[in-house]
PDB file of N, CA and C in Angstrom:
ATOM      1  N   MET A   1      -7.669 -18.932 170.392  1.00  0.00           N
ATOM      2  CA  MET A   1      -6.092 -18.484 169.753  1.00  0.00           C
ATOM      3  C   MET A   1      -6.075 -19.195 168.440  1.00  0.00           C
ATOM      4  N   TYR A   2      -5.310 -18.338 167.537  1.00  0.00           N
ATOM      5  CA  TYR A   2      -4.924 -18.564 166.270  1.00  0.00           C
ATOM      6  C   TYR A   2      -3.373 -18.850 166.093  1.00  0.00           C
ATOM      7  N   PHE A   3      -3.327 -19.722 165.432  1.00  0.00           N
ATOM      8  CA  PHE A   3      -1.811 -20.023 165.032  1.00  0.00           C
ATOM      9  C   PHE A   3      -1.270 -19.529 163.472  1.00  0.00           C
ATOM     10  N   ARG A   4      -0.131 -19.108 163.442  1.00  0.00           N
ATOM     11  CA  ARG A   4       0.192 -18.532 162.104  1.00  0.00           C
ATOM     12  C   ARG A   4       0.815 -19.805 161.445  1.00  0.00           C
ATOM     13  N   SER A   5       0.674 -19.712 160.020  1.00  0.00           N
ATOM     14  CA  SER A   5       1.546 -20.551 159.177  1.00  0.00           C
ATOM     15  C   SER A   5       2.950 -19.969 159.027  1.00  0.00           C
ATOM     16  N   ILE A   6       3.849 -20.858 158.746  1.00  0.00           N
ATOM     17  CA  ILE A   6       5.355 -20.546 158.797  1.00  0.00           C
ATOM     18  C   ILE A   6       5.363 -20.125 157.024  1.00  0.00           C
ATOM     19  N   LEU A   7       5.329 -18.955 156.502  1.00  0.00           N
ATOM     20  CA  LEU A   7       5.425 -18.714 155.093  1.00  0.00           C
ATOM     21  C   LEU A   7       6.356 -19.089 154.202  1.00  0.00           C
ATOM     22  N   VAL A   8       7.476 -19.201 154.804  1.00  0.00           N
ATOM     23  CA  VAL A   8       8.713 -19.661 154.048  1.00  0.00           C
ATOM     24  C   VAL A   8       8.511 -21.087 153.614  1.00  0.00           C
ATOM     25  N   SER A   9       8.330 -21.924 154.653  1.00  0.00           N
ATOM     26  CA  SER A   9       8.341 -23.213 154.409  1.00  0.00           C
ATOM     27  C   SER A   9       6.935 -23.839 153.852  1.00  0.00           C
ATOM     28  N   SER A  10       5.957 -22.852 154.127  1.00  0.00           N
ATOM     29  CA  SER A  10       4.570 -23.290 153.705  1.00  0.00           C
ATOM     30  C   SER A  10       4.593 -22.938 152.091  1.00  0.00           C
ATOM     31  N   ALA A  11       5.181 -21.935 151.905  1.00  0.00           N
ATOM     32  CA  ALA A  11       4.974 -21.409 150.364  1.00  0.00           C
ATOM     33  C   ALA A  11       5.668 -22.517 149.402  1.00  0.00           C
ATOM     34  N   LEU A  12       6.455 -23.353 149.783  1.00  0.00           N
ATOM     35  CA  LEU A  12       7.215 -24.390 148.938  1.00  0.00           C
ATOM     36  C   LEU A  12       6.441 -25.608 149.134  1.00  0.00           C
ATOM     37  N   PHE A  13       5.749 -25.871 150.168  1.00  0.00           N
ATOM     38  CA  PHE A  13       5.151 -27.141 150.316  1.00  0.00           C
ATOM     39  C   PHE A  13       4.129 -27.540 149.264  1.00  0.00           C
ATOM     40  N   LEU A  14       4.204 -28.752 148.943  1.00  0.00           N
ATOM     41  CA  LEU A  14       3.438 -29.147 147.778  1.00  0.00           C
ATOM     42  C   LEU A  14       3.474 -28.573 146.456  1.00  0.00           C
ATOM     43  N   GLY A  15       4.723 -28.226 146.221  1.00  0.00           N
ATOM     44  CA  GLY A  15       5.008 -27.590 144.983  1.00  0.00           C
ATOM     45  C   GLY A  15       4.565 -26.317 144.255  1.00  0.00           C
ATOM     46  N   THR A  16       3.949 -25.494 145.174  1.00  0.00           N
ATOM     47  CA  THR A  16       3.504 -24.258 144.610  1.00  0.00           C
ATOM     48  C   THR A  16       3.925 -23.035 145.250  1.00  0.00           C
ATOM     49  N   ASN A  17       4.022 -21.776 144.777  1.00  0.00           N
ATOM     50  CA  ASN A  17       4.459 -20.686 145.555  1.00  0.00           C
ATOM     51  C   ASN A  17       3.249 -20.078 145.883  1.00  0.00           C
ATOM     52  N   LEU A  18       3.200 -19.132 146.897  1.00  0.00           N
ATOM     53  CA  LEU A  18       2.271 -17.967 147.052  1.00  0.00           C
ATOM     54  C   LEU A  18       2.698 -16.805 146.113  1.00  0.00           C
ATOM     55  N   SER A  19       1.584 -16.359 145.779  1.00  0.00           N
ATOM     56  CA  SER A  19       1.684 -15.087 144.929  1.00  0.00           C
ATOM     57  C   SER A  19       2.094 -14.093 145.858  1.00  0.00           C
ATOM     58  N   ALA A  20       2.589 -12.889 145.276  1.00  0.00           N
ATOM     59  CA  ALA A  20       3.179 -11.769 146.293  1.00  0.00           C
ATOM     60  C   ALA A  20       2.212 -11.167 147.127  1.00  0.00           C
ATOM     61  N   ASP A  21       0.977 -11.158 146.662  1.00  0.00           N
ATOM     62  CA  ASP A  21      -0.069 -10.429 147.492  1.00  0.00           C
ATOM     63  C   ASP A  21      -0.382 -11.550 148.554  1.00  0.00           C
ATOM     64  N   GLN A  22      -0.458 -12.879 148.415  1.00  0.00           N
ATOM     65  CA  GLN A  22      -0.594 -14.014 149.417  1.00  0.00           C
ATOM     66  C   GLN A  22       0.592 -14.055 150.324  1.00  0.00           C
ATOM     67  N   ALA A  23       1.673 -13.950 150.133  1.00  0.00           N
ATOM     68  CA  ALA A  23       2.917 -13.758 151.160  1.00  0.00           C
ATOM     69  C   ALA A  23       2.869 -12.681 152.071  1.00  0.00           C
ATOM     70  N   LYS A  24       2.051 -11.708 151.553  1.00  0.00           N
ATOM     71  CA  LYS A  24       2.002 -10.508 152.495  1.00  0.00           C
ATOM     72  C   LYS A  24       0.953 -10.662 153.587  1.00  0.00           C
ATOM     73  N   LYS A  25      -0.079 -11.626 153.422  1.00  0.00           N
ATOM     74  CA  LYS A  25      -1.346 -11.882 154.377  1.00  0.00           C
ATOM     75  C   LYS A  25      -0.831 -13.336 154.921  1.00  0.00           C
ATOM     76  N   GLU A  26      -1.280 -13.360 156.083  1.00  0.00           N
ATOM     77  CA  GLU A  26      -0.853 -14.486 156.968  1.00  0.00           C
ATOM     78  C   GLU A  26      -2.370 -15.249 156.882  1.00  0.00           C
ATOM     79  N   PHE A  27      -1.972 -16.635 156.649  1.00  0.00           N
ATOM     80  CA  PHE A  27      -3.200 -17.433 156.709  1.00  0.00           C
ATOM     81  C   PHE A  27      -3.247 -18.044 158.175  1.00  0.00           C
ATOM     82  N   VAL A  28      -4.407 -17.898 158.807  1.00  0.00           N
ATOM     83  CA  VAL A  28      -4.493 -18.360 160.223  1.00  0.00           C
ATOM     84  C   VAL A  28      -5.573 -19.584 160.419  1.00  0.00           C
ATOM     85  N   LEU A  29      -5.474 -20.300 161.287  1.00  0.00           N
ATOM     86  CA  LEU A  29      -6.369 -21.539 161.629  1.00  0.00           C
ATOM     87  C   LEU A  29      -6.780 -21.484 163.058  1.00  0.00           C
ATOM     88  N   PRO A  30      -7.803 -21.566 163.471  1.00  0.00           N
ATOM     89  CA  PRO A  30      -8.210 -21.608 164.872  1.00  0.00           C
ATOM     90  C   PRO A  30      -7.639 -22.648 165.567  1.00  0.00           C
ATOM     91  N   SER A  31      -7.283 -22.805 166.931  1.00  0.00           N
ATOM     92  CA  SER A  31      -6.501 -23.754 167.389  1.00  0.00           C
ATOM     93  C   SER A  31      -7.389 -25.087 167.571  1.00  0.00           C
ATOM     94  N   SER A  32      -8.723 -24.895 167.461  1.00  0.00           N
ATOM     95  CA  SER A  32      -9.522 -26.133 167.581  1.00  0.00           C
ATOM     96  C   SER A  32      -9.417 -27.067 166.216  1.00  0.00           C
ATOM     97  N   VAL A  33      -8.982 -26.505 165.250  1.00  0.00           N
ATOM     98  CA  VAL A  33      -8.679 -27.198 163.847  1.00  0.00           C
ATOM     99  C   VAL A  33      -7.199 -27.763 164.227  1.00  0.00           C
ATOM    100  N   LEU A  34      -6.630 -27.145 164.624  1.00  0.00           N
ATOM    101  CA  LEU A  34      -4.976 -27.709 164.891  1.00  0.00           C
ATOM    102  C   LEU A  34      -5.098 -28.921 166.053  1.00  0.00           C
ATOM    103  N   GLU A  35      -6.040 -28.903 166.828  1.00  0.00           N
ATOM    104  CA  GLU A  35      -6.352 -29.652 167.932  1.00  0.00           C
ATOM    105  C   GLU A  35      -6.642 -30.985 167.679  1.00  0.00           C
ATOM    106  N   ILE A  36      -7.336 -31.098 166.597  1.00  0.00           N
ATOM    107  CA  ILE A  36      -7.965 -32.174 165.987  1.00  0.00           C
ATOM    108  C   ILE A  36      -7.056 -33.378 165.852  1.00  0.00           C
ATOM    109  N   GLU A  37      -7.320 -34.456 166.530  1.00  0.00           N
ATOM    110  CA  GLU A  37      -6.232 -35.856 166.543  1.00  0.00           C
ATOM    111  C   GLU A  37      -6.781 -36.651 165.327  1.00  0.00           C
ATOM    112  N   GLY A  38      -5.832 -36.636 164.414  1.00  0.00           N
ATOM    113  CA  GLY A  38      -6.175 -37.409 163.253  1.00  0.00           C
ATOM    114  C   GLY A  38      -6.119 -39.162 163.353  1.00  0.00           C
ATOM    115  N   ASP A  39      -7.165 -39.729 162.914  1.00  0.00           N
ATOM    116  CA  ASP A  39      -7.037 -41.217 162.901  1.00  0.00           C
ATOM    117  C   ASP A  39      -6.153 -41.798 161.934  1.00  0.00           C
ATOM    118  N   LEU A  40      -5.136 -42.370 162.222  1.00  0.00           N
ATOM    119  CA  LEU A  40      -4.286 -42.884 161.366  1.00  0.00           C
ATOM    120  C   LEU A  40      -4.711 -43.890 160.305  1.00  0.00           C
ATOM    121  N   GLU A  41      -5.684 -44.796 160.600  1.00  0.00           N
ATOM    122  CA  GLU A  41      -6.209 -45.872 159.845  1.00  0.00           C
ATOM    123  C   GLU A  41      -7.089 -45.129 158.966  1.00  0.00           C
ATOM    124  N   TYR A  42      -7.960 -44.229 159.325  1.00  0.00           N
ATOM    125  CA  TYR A  42      -8.762 -43.316 158.498  1.00  0.00           C
ATOM    126  C   TYR A  42      -8.039 -42.609 157.245  1.00  0.00           C
ATOM    127  N   GLY A  43      -6.803 -41.982 157.897  1.00  0.00           N
ATOM    128  CA  GLY A  43      -5.753 -41.374 156.851  1.00  0.00           C
ATOM    129  C   GLY A  43      -5.256 -42.286 155.897  1.00  0.00           C
ATOM    130  N   GLU A  44      -5.078 -43.521 156.308  1.00  0.00           N
ATOM    131  CA  GLU A  44      -4.526 -44.399 155.362  1.00  0.00           C
ATOM    132  C   GLU A  44      -5.379 -44.680 154.168  1.00  0.00           C
ATOM    133  N   TYR A  45      -6.573 -44.815 154.876  1.00  0.00           N
ATOM    134  CA  TYR A  45      -7.730 -45.246 153.733  1.00  0.00           C
ATOM    135  C   TYR A  45      -8.151 -43.933 152.884  1.00  0.00           C
ATOM    136  N   LEU A  46      -7.914 -42.909 153.209  1.00  0.00           N
ATOM    137  CA  LEU A  46      -8.073 -41.557 152.437  1.00  0.00           C
ATOM    138  C   LEU A  46      -6.871 -41.293 151.562  1.00  0.00           C
ATOM    139  N   ALA A  47      -5.765 -41.958 151.903  1.00  0.00           N
ATOM    140  CA  ALA A  47      -4.363 -41.495 151.141  1.00  0.00           C
ATOM    141  C   ALA A  47      -4.109 -41.925 149.977  1.00  0.00           C
ATOM    142  N   SER A  48      -5.092 -42.862 149.437  1.00  0.00           N
ATOM    143  CA  SER A  48      -4.830 -43.346 148.198  1.00  0.00           C
ATOM    144  C   SER A  48      -4.900 -42.325 146.824  1.00  0.00           C
ATOM    145  N   ASP A  49      -5.881 -41.450 147.371  1.00  0.00           N
ATOM    146  CA  ASP A  49      -5.965 -40.217 146.012  1.00  0.00           C
ATOM    147  C   ASP A  49      -4.614 -39.419 146.008  1.00  0.00           C
ATOM    148  N   CYS A  50      -3.986 -39.123 147.381  1.00  0.00           N
ATOM    149  CA  CYS A  50      -2.928 -38.343 147.470  1.00  0.00           C
ATOM    150  C   CYS A  50      -1.704 -39.008 146.871  1.00  0.00           C
ATOM    151  N   GLN A  51      -1.614 -40.416 146.983  1.00  0.00           N
ATOM    152  CA  GLN A  51      -0.566 -41.245 146.475  1.00  0.00           C
ATOM    153  C   GLN A  51      -0.520 -41.356 145.106  1.00  0.00           C
ATOM    154  N   THR A  52      -1.591 -40.903 144.110  1.00  0.00           N
ATOM    155  CA  THR A  52      -1.568 -41.101 142.849  1.00  0.00           C
ATOM    156  C   THR A  52      -0.460 -40.112 142.332  1.00  0.00           C
ATOM    157  N   CYS A  53      -0.353 -38.959 142.853  1.00  0.00           N
ATOM    158  CA  CYS A  53       0.698 -38.055 142.437  1.00  0.00           C
ATOM    159  C   CYS A  53       1.895 -37.957 143.321  1.00  0.00           C
ATOM    160  N   HIS A  54       1.587 -37.852 144.524  1.00  0.00           N
ATOM    161  CA  HIS A  54       2.757 -37.748 145.725  1.00  0.00           C
ATOM    162  C   HIS A  54       3.312 -39.129 145.843  1.00  0.00           C
ATOM    163  N   ARG A  55       4.546 -39.237 145.374  1.00  0.00           N
ATOM    164  CA  ARG A  55       5.479 -40.618 145.356  1.00  0.00           C
ATOM    165  C   ARG A  55       5.700 -40.986 146.807  1.00  0.00           C
ATOM    166  N   SER A  56       5.816 -42.335 146.827  1.00  0.00           N
ATOM    167  CA  SER A  56       5.769 -42.856 148.165  1.00  0.00           C
ATOM    168  C   SER A  56       7.289 -43.099 148.610  1.00  0.00           C
ATOM    169  N   ASP A  57       8.187 -42.928 147.509  1.00  0.00           N
ATOM    170  CA  ASP A  57       9.621 -42.786 147.768  1.00  0.00           C
ATOM    171  C   ASP A  57      10.116 -41.413 148.277  1.00  0.00           C
ATOM    172  N   ASN A  58       9.067 -40.495 148.284  1.00  0.00           N
ATOM    173  CA  ASN A  58       9.276 -38.997 148.722  1.00  0.00           C
ATOM    174  C   ASN A  58      10.297 -38.267 147.807  1.00  0.00           C
ATOM    175  N   LYS A  59      10.245 -38.762 146.598  1.00  0.00           N
ATOM    176  CA  LYS A  59      11.112 -38.007 145.661  1.00  0.00           C
ATOM    177  C   LYS A  59      10.369 -36.840 144.935  1.00  0.00           C
ATOM    178  N   ASN A  60      10.969 -35.667 145.101  1.00  0.00           N
ATOM    179  CA  ASN A  60      10.302 -34.624 144.349  1.00  0.00           C
ATOM    180  C   ASN A  60      10.741 -34.543 142.956  1.00  0.00           C
ATOM    181  N   GLU A  61       9.787 -35.029 141.812  1.00  0.00           N
ATOM    182  CA  GLU A  61       9.835 -34.796 140.398  1.00  0.00           C
ATOM    183  C   GLU A  61       8.804 -33.946 139.859  1.00  0.00           C
ATOM    184  N   GLY A  62       8.575 -32.676 140.558  1.00  0.00           N
ATOM    185  CA  GLY A  62       7.513 -31.751 140.184  1.00  0.00           C
ATOM    186  C   GLY A  62       6.601 -31.952 141.036  1.00  0.00           C
ATOM    187  N   ILE A  63       6.488 -32.805 141.865  1.00  0.00           N
ATOM    188  CA  ILE A  63       5.393 -32.843 142.862  1.00  0.00           C
ATOM    189  C   ILE A  63       6.308 -33.359 144.250  1.00  0.00           C
ATOM    190  N   PRO A  64       6.301 -32.546 145.142  1.00  0.00           N
ATOM    191  CA  PRO A  64       7.077 -33.143 146.286  1.00  0.00           C
ATOM    192  C   PRO A  64       6.553 -34.148 147.069  1.00  0.00           C
ATOM    193  N   GLY A  65       7.412 -34.765 147.673  1.00  0.00           N
ATOM    194  CA  GLY A  65       6.909 -35.983 148.695  1.00  0.00           C
ATOM    195  C   GLY A  65       6.272 -35.315 150.143  1.00  0.00           C
ATOM    196  N   ILE A  66       5.555 -35.963 150.471  1.00  0.00           N
ATOM    197  CA  ILE A  66       4.794 -35.459 151.677  1.00  0.00           C
ATOM    198  C   ILE A  66       5.144 -36.365 152.953  1.00  0.00           C
ATOM    199  N   ASN A  67       5.672 -37.654 152.936  1.00  0.00           N
ATOM    200  CA  ASN A  67       5.967 -38.395 153.555  1.00  0.00           C
ATOM    201  C   ASN A  67       6.767 -38.014 154.781  1.00  0.00           C
ATOM    202  N   GLY A  68       6.511 -38.006 156.123  1.00  0.00           N
ATOM    203  CA  GLY A  68       7.285 -37.376 157.314  1.00  0.00           C
ATOM    204  C   GLY A  68       7.222 -36.000 157.513  1.00  0.00           C
ATOM    205  N   ARG A  69       6.326 -35.449 157.026  1.00  0.00           N
ATOM    206  CA  ARG A  69       6.172 -33.937 157.030  1.00  0.00           C
ATOM    207  C   ARG A  69       5.553 -33.648 158.503  1.00  0.00           C
ATOM    208  N   GLU A  70       5.742 -32.576 158.944  1.00  0.00           N
ATOM    209  CA  GLU A  70       5.115 -32.375 160.166  1.00  0.00           C
ATOM    210  C   GLU A  70       3.715 -32.193 159.976  1.00  0.00           C
ATOM    211  N   ILE A  71       2.856 -32.549 161.096  1.00  0.00           N
ATOM    212  CA  ILE A  71       1.331 -32.757 160.895  1.00  0.00           C
ATOM    213  C   ILE A  71       0.752 -31.153 160.648  1.00  0.00           C
ATOM    214  N   THR A  72       1.151 -30.328 161.577  1.00  0.00           N
ATOM    215  CA  THR A  72       0.729 -28.885 161.233  1.00  0.00           C
ATOM    216  C   THR A  72       1.132 -28.278 160.040  1.00  0.00           C
ATOM    217  N   GLU A  73       2.220 -28.724 159.467  1.00  0.00           N
ATOM    218  CA  GLU A  73       2.636 -28.155 158.064  1.00  0.00           C
ATOM    219  C   GLU A  73       1.654 -28.690 156.986  1.00  0.00           C
ATOM    220  N   ILE A  74       1.140 -29.948 157.139  1.00  0.00           N
ATOM    221  CA  ILE A  74       0.397 -30.674 156.283  1.00  0.00           C
ATOM    222  C   ILE A  74      -1.058 -30.043 156.404  1.00  0.00           C
ATOM    223  N   VAL A  75      -1.543 -29.892 157.585  1.00  0.00           N
ATOM    224  CA  VAL A  75      -2.930 -29.349 157.902  1.00  0.00           C
ATOM    225  C   VAL A  75      -2.855 -27.993 157.474  1.00  0.00           C
ATOM    226  N   TYR A  76      -2.108 -27.095 157.756  1.00  0.00           N
ATOM    227  CA  TYR A  76      -1.854 -25.809 156.944  1.00  0.00           C
ATOM    228  C   TYR A  76      -1.827 -25.874 155.531  1.00  0.00           C
ATOM    229  N   ALA A  77      -1.249 -26.633 154.781  1.00  0.00           N
ATOM    230  CA  ALA A  77      -1.112 -26.645 153.460  1.00  0.00           C
ATOM    231  C   ALA A  77      -2.545 -27.070 152.884  1.00  0.00           C
ATOM    232  N   LEU A  78      -3.150 -28.089 153.457  1.00  0.00           N
ATOM    233  CA  LEU A  78      -4.592 -28.470 152.863  1.00  0.00           C
ATOM    234  C   LEU A  78      -5.429 -27.478 153.090  1.00  0.00           C
ATOM    235  N   HIS A  79      -5.457 -26.844 154.175  1.00  0.00           N
ATOM    236  CA  HIS A  79      -6.609 -25.710 154.573  1.00  0.00           C
ATOM    237  C   HIS A  79      -6.131 -24.630 153.651  1.00  0.00           C
ATOM    238  N   GLU A  80      -4.876 -24.368 153.224  1.00  0.00           N
ATOM    239  CA  GLU A  80      -4.619 -23.222 152.409  1.00  0.00           C
ATOM    240  C   GLU A  80      -5.150 -23.457 151.112  1.00  0.00           C
ATOM    241  N   TYR A  81      -4.954 -24.652 150.642  1.00  0.00           N
ATOM    242  CA  TYR A  81      -5.655 -25.218 149.057  1.00  0.00           C
ATOM    243  C   TYR A  81      -7.189 -25.073 149.208  1.00  0.00           C
ATOM    244  N   LYS A  82      -7.680 -25.562 150.243  1.00  0.00           N
ATOM    245  CA  LYS A  82      -9.197 -25.672 150.533  1.00  0.00           C
ATOM    246  C   LYS A  82      -9.940 -24.357 150.388  1.00  0.00           C
ATOM    247  N   ASN A  83      -8.976 -23.350 150.935  1.00  0.00           N
ATOM    248  CA  ASN A  83      -9.757 -21.915 151.124  1.00  0.00           C
ATOM    249  C   ASN A  83      -8.959 -21.046 149.978  1.00  0.00           C
ATOM    250  N   LYS A  84      -8.408 -21.704 148.791  1.00  0.00           N
ATOM    251  CA  LYS A  84      -7.991 -21.068 147.834  1.00  0.00           C
ATOM    252  C   LYS A  84      -6.927 -20.082 147.933  1.00  0.00           C
ATOM    253  N   TYR A  85      -6.093 -20.154 149.390  1.00  0.00           N
ATOM    254  CA  TYR A  85      -5.201 -19.396 149.495  1.00  0.00           C
ATOM    255  C   TYR A  85      -3.944 -19.648 148.514  1.00  0.00           C
ATOM    256  N   ARG A  86      -3.709 -20.796 148.475  1.00  0.00           N
ATOM    257  CA  ARG A  86      -2.542 -21.207 147.620  1.00  0.00           C
ATOM    258  C   ARG A  86      -3.220 -21.510 146.150  1.00  0.00           C
ATOM    259  N   GLU A  87      -2.382 -21.319 145.087  1.00  0.00           N
ATOM    260  CA  GLU A  87      -2.966 -21.620 143.817  1.00  0.00           C
ATOM    261  C   GLU A  87      -2.391 -22.905 143.246  1.00  0.00           C
ATOM    262  N   ASN A  88      -3.367 -23.746 142.871  1.00  0.00           N
ATOM    263  CA  ASN A  88      -3.141 -25.025 142.306  1.00  0.00           C
ATOM    264  C   ASN A  88      -4.409 -25.744 142.130  1.00  0.00           C
ATOM    265  N   GLU A  89      -5.038 -25.604 140.899  1.00  0.00           N
ATOM    266  CA  GLU A  89      -6.267 -26.121 140.628  1.00  0.00           C
ATOM    267  C   GLU A  89      -6.661 -27.619 141.215  1.00  0.00           C
ATOM    268  N   VAL A  90      -5.689 -28.421 140.893  1.00  0.00           N
ATOM    269  CA  VAL A  90      -5.816 -29.762 141.416  1.00  0.00           C
ATOM    270  C   VAL A  90      -5.687 -29.899 142.759  1.00  0.00           C
ATOM    271  N   MET A  91      -4.910 -29.206 143.494  1.00  0.00           N
ATOM    272  CA  MET A  91      -4.839 -29.330 144.957  1.00  0.00           C
ATOM    273  C   MET A  91      -6.213 -28.534 145.511  1.00  0.00           C
ATOM    274  N   GLN A  92      -6.627 -27.499 145.022  1.00  0.00           N
ATOM    275  CA  GLN A  92      -7.767 -26.874 145.500  1.00  0.00           C
ATOM    276  C   GLN A  92      -8.782 -27.872 145.382  1.00  0.00           C
ATOM    277  N   MET A  93      -8.919 -28.377 144.222  1.00  0.00           N
ATOM    278  CA  MET A  93      -9.978 -29.536 144.222  1.00  0.00           C
ATOM    279  C   MET A  93     -10.092 -30.697 144.883  1.00  0.00           C
ATOM    280  N   MET A  94      -8.986 -31.159 145.229  1.00  0.00           N
ATOM    281  CA  MET A  94      -8.632 -32.257 146.105  1.00  0.00           C
ATOM    282  C   MET A  94      -8.750 -31.896 147.639  1.00  0.00           C
ATOM    283  N   ALA A  95      -8.281 -30.676 148.083  1.00  0.00           N
ATOM    284  CA  ALA A  95      -8.519 -30.565 149.604  1.00  0.00           C
ATOM    285  C   ALA A  95     -10.053 -29.690 149.412  1.00  0.00           C
ATOM    286  N   GLY A  96     -10.401 -29.087 148.455  1.00  0.00           N
ATOM    287  CA  GLY A  96     -11.646 -28.396 148.870  1.00  0.00           C
ATOM    288  C   GLY A  96     -12.885 -29.559 149.078  1.00  0.00           C
ATOM    289  N   GLY A  97     -12.855 -30.696 148.944  1.00  0.00           N
ATOM    290  CA  GLY A  97     -13.966 -31.864 149.252  1.00  0.00           C
ATOM    291  C   GLY A  97     -13.474 -32.338 150.761  1.00  0.00           C
ATOM    292  N   LEU A  98     -12.583 -32.041 151.372  1.00  0.00           N
ATOM    293  CA  LEU A  98     -11.999 -32.589 152.719  1.00  0.00           C
ATOM    294  C   LEU A  98     -12.662 -31.670 153.906  1.00  0.00           C
ATOM    295  N   GLY A  99     -13.000 -32.535 154.778  1.00  0.00           N
ATOM    296  CA  GLY A  99     -13.458 -31.785 156.219  1.00  0.00           C
ATOM    297  C   GLY A  99     -12.248 -31.789 157.159  1.00  0.00           C
ATOM    298  N   ASP A 100     -12.470 -31.198 158.182  1.00  0.00           N
ATOM    299  CA  ASP A 100     -11.402 -30.942 159.286  1.00  0.00           C
ATOM    300  C   ASP A 100     -10.767 -32.321 159.654  1.00  0.00           C
ATOM    301  N   GLU A 101     -11.672 -33.268 159.824  1.00  0.00           N
ATOM    302  CA  GLU A 101     -11.358 -34.499 160.515  1.00  0.00           C
ATOM    303  C   GLU A 101     -10.550 -35.292 159.391  1.00  0.00           C
ATOM    304  N   GLU A 102     -10.829 -35.341 158.144  1.00  0.00           N
ATOM    305  CA  GLU A 102     -10.317 -35.879 157.050  1.00  0.00           C
ATOM    306  C   GLU A 102      -8.844 -35.298 156.802  1.00  0.00           C
ATOM    307  N   ILE A 103      -8.781 -33.985 156.911  1.00  0.00           N
ATOM    308  CA  ILE A 103      -7.379 -33.447 156.769  1.00  0.00           C
ATOM    309  C   ILE A 103      -6.385 -33.510 157.953  1.00  0.00           C
ATOM    310  N   ALA A 104      -7.283 -33.702 159.201  1.00  0.00           N
ATOM    311  CA  ALA A 104      -6.391 -34.239 160.472  1.00  0.00           C
ATOM    312  C   ALA A 104      -5.897 -35.755 160.260  1.00  0.00           C
ATOM    313  N   ALA A 105      -6.816 -36.386 159.724  1.00  0.00           N
ATOM    314  CA  ALA A 105      -6.274 -37.926 159.606  1.00  0.00           C
ATOM    315  C   ALA A 105      -5.217 -38.111 158.480  1.00  0.00           C
ATOM    316  N   LEU A 106      -5.302 -37.306 157.402  1.00  0.00           N
ATOM    317  CA  LEU A 106      -4.264 -37.237 156.234  1.00  0.00           C
ATOM    318  C   LEU A 106      -2.966 -36.770 157.045  1.00  0.00           C
ATOM    319  N   ALA A 107      -3.249 -35.881 157.528  1.00  0.00           N
ATOM    320  CA  ALA A 107      -1.946 -35.155 158.177  1.00  0.00           C
ATOM    321  C   ALA A 107      -1.307 -36.058 159.066  1.00  0.00           C
ATOM    322  N   SER A 108      -1.959 -36.871 159.947  1.00  0.00           N
ATOM    323  CA  SER A 108      -1.426 -37.694 160.818  1.00  0.00           C
ATOM    324  C   SER A 108      -0.754 -39.090 160.101  1.00  0.00           C
ATOM    325  N   TYR A 109      -1.421 -39.544 159.082  1.00  0.00           N
ATOM    326  CA  TYR A 109      -0.999 -40.617 158.356  1.00  0.00           C
ATOM    327  C   TYR A 109       0.151 -40.308 157.681  1.00  0.00           C
ATOM    328  N   PHE A 110       0.408 -39.147 156.810  1.00  0.00           N
ATOM    329  CA  PHE A 110       1.530 -38.955 156.071  1.00  0.00           C
ATOM    330  C   PHE A 110       2.845 -38.532 156.997  1.00  0.00           C
ATOM    331  N   ALA A 111       2.568 -37.675 158.219  1.00  0.00           N
ATOM    332  CA  ALA A 111       3.475 -37.562 159.138  1.00  0.00           C
ATOM    333  C   ALA A 111       4.053 -38.657 159.670  1.00  0.00           C
ATOM    334  N   SER A 112       3.494 -39.768 159.904  1.00  0.00           N
ATOM    335  CA  SER A 112       3.820 -40.954 160.371  1.00  0.00           C
ATOM    336  C   SER A 112       4.691 -41.924 159.347  1.00  0.00           C
ATOM    337  N   LEU A 113       4.650 -41.493 158.275  1.00  0.00           N
ATOM    338  CA  LEU A 113       5.500 -42.168 157.163  1.00  0.00           C
ATOM    339  C   LEU A 113       7.064 -41.424 157.055  1.00  0.00           C
ATOM    340  N   GLN A 114       7.889 -42.513 156.903  1.00  0.00           N
ATOM    341  CA  GLN A 114       9.268 -42.001 156.726  1.00  0.00           C
ATOM    342  C   GLN A 114       9.879 -42.164 155.538  1.00  0.00           C
TER     343      GLN A 114
END
C-alpha cells in the first residue's frame, strides 16, 4: 500500500516550493517506510546537522522551524529531498546521505519537540 503526500502543506515545508511539474505528480512512499519506528535518542544524536540551519525556537527566518511537525510530514519531506523531488541543493545533499532508519529517527525526534 502506498501513501500520498499532501502536496499543499508538503510544498511549503522546509522553505521550498515544488515546481509546476512536480506539483502535478504525486510523491509516494511504500507503507513499509512510513511504518519504521524512529529511535528518539538516535534522532537527537543526528539532529545537530539539522539544527545548524533550523532554529530551535522554531522561528522562520528564511528557513522554517521543524520542531513539533508531524512525523509523516517530516518523513515525506526528507524523502522528497533525497529523491530530488524537491529543489534545494543543501537539503538534497543533507537528505541524500540519510537512510530510512535515520530519516525515521530524525522525524520522531523533531516531532517530539515543541
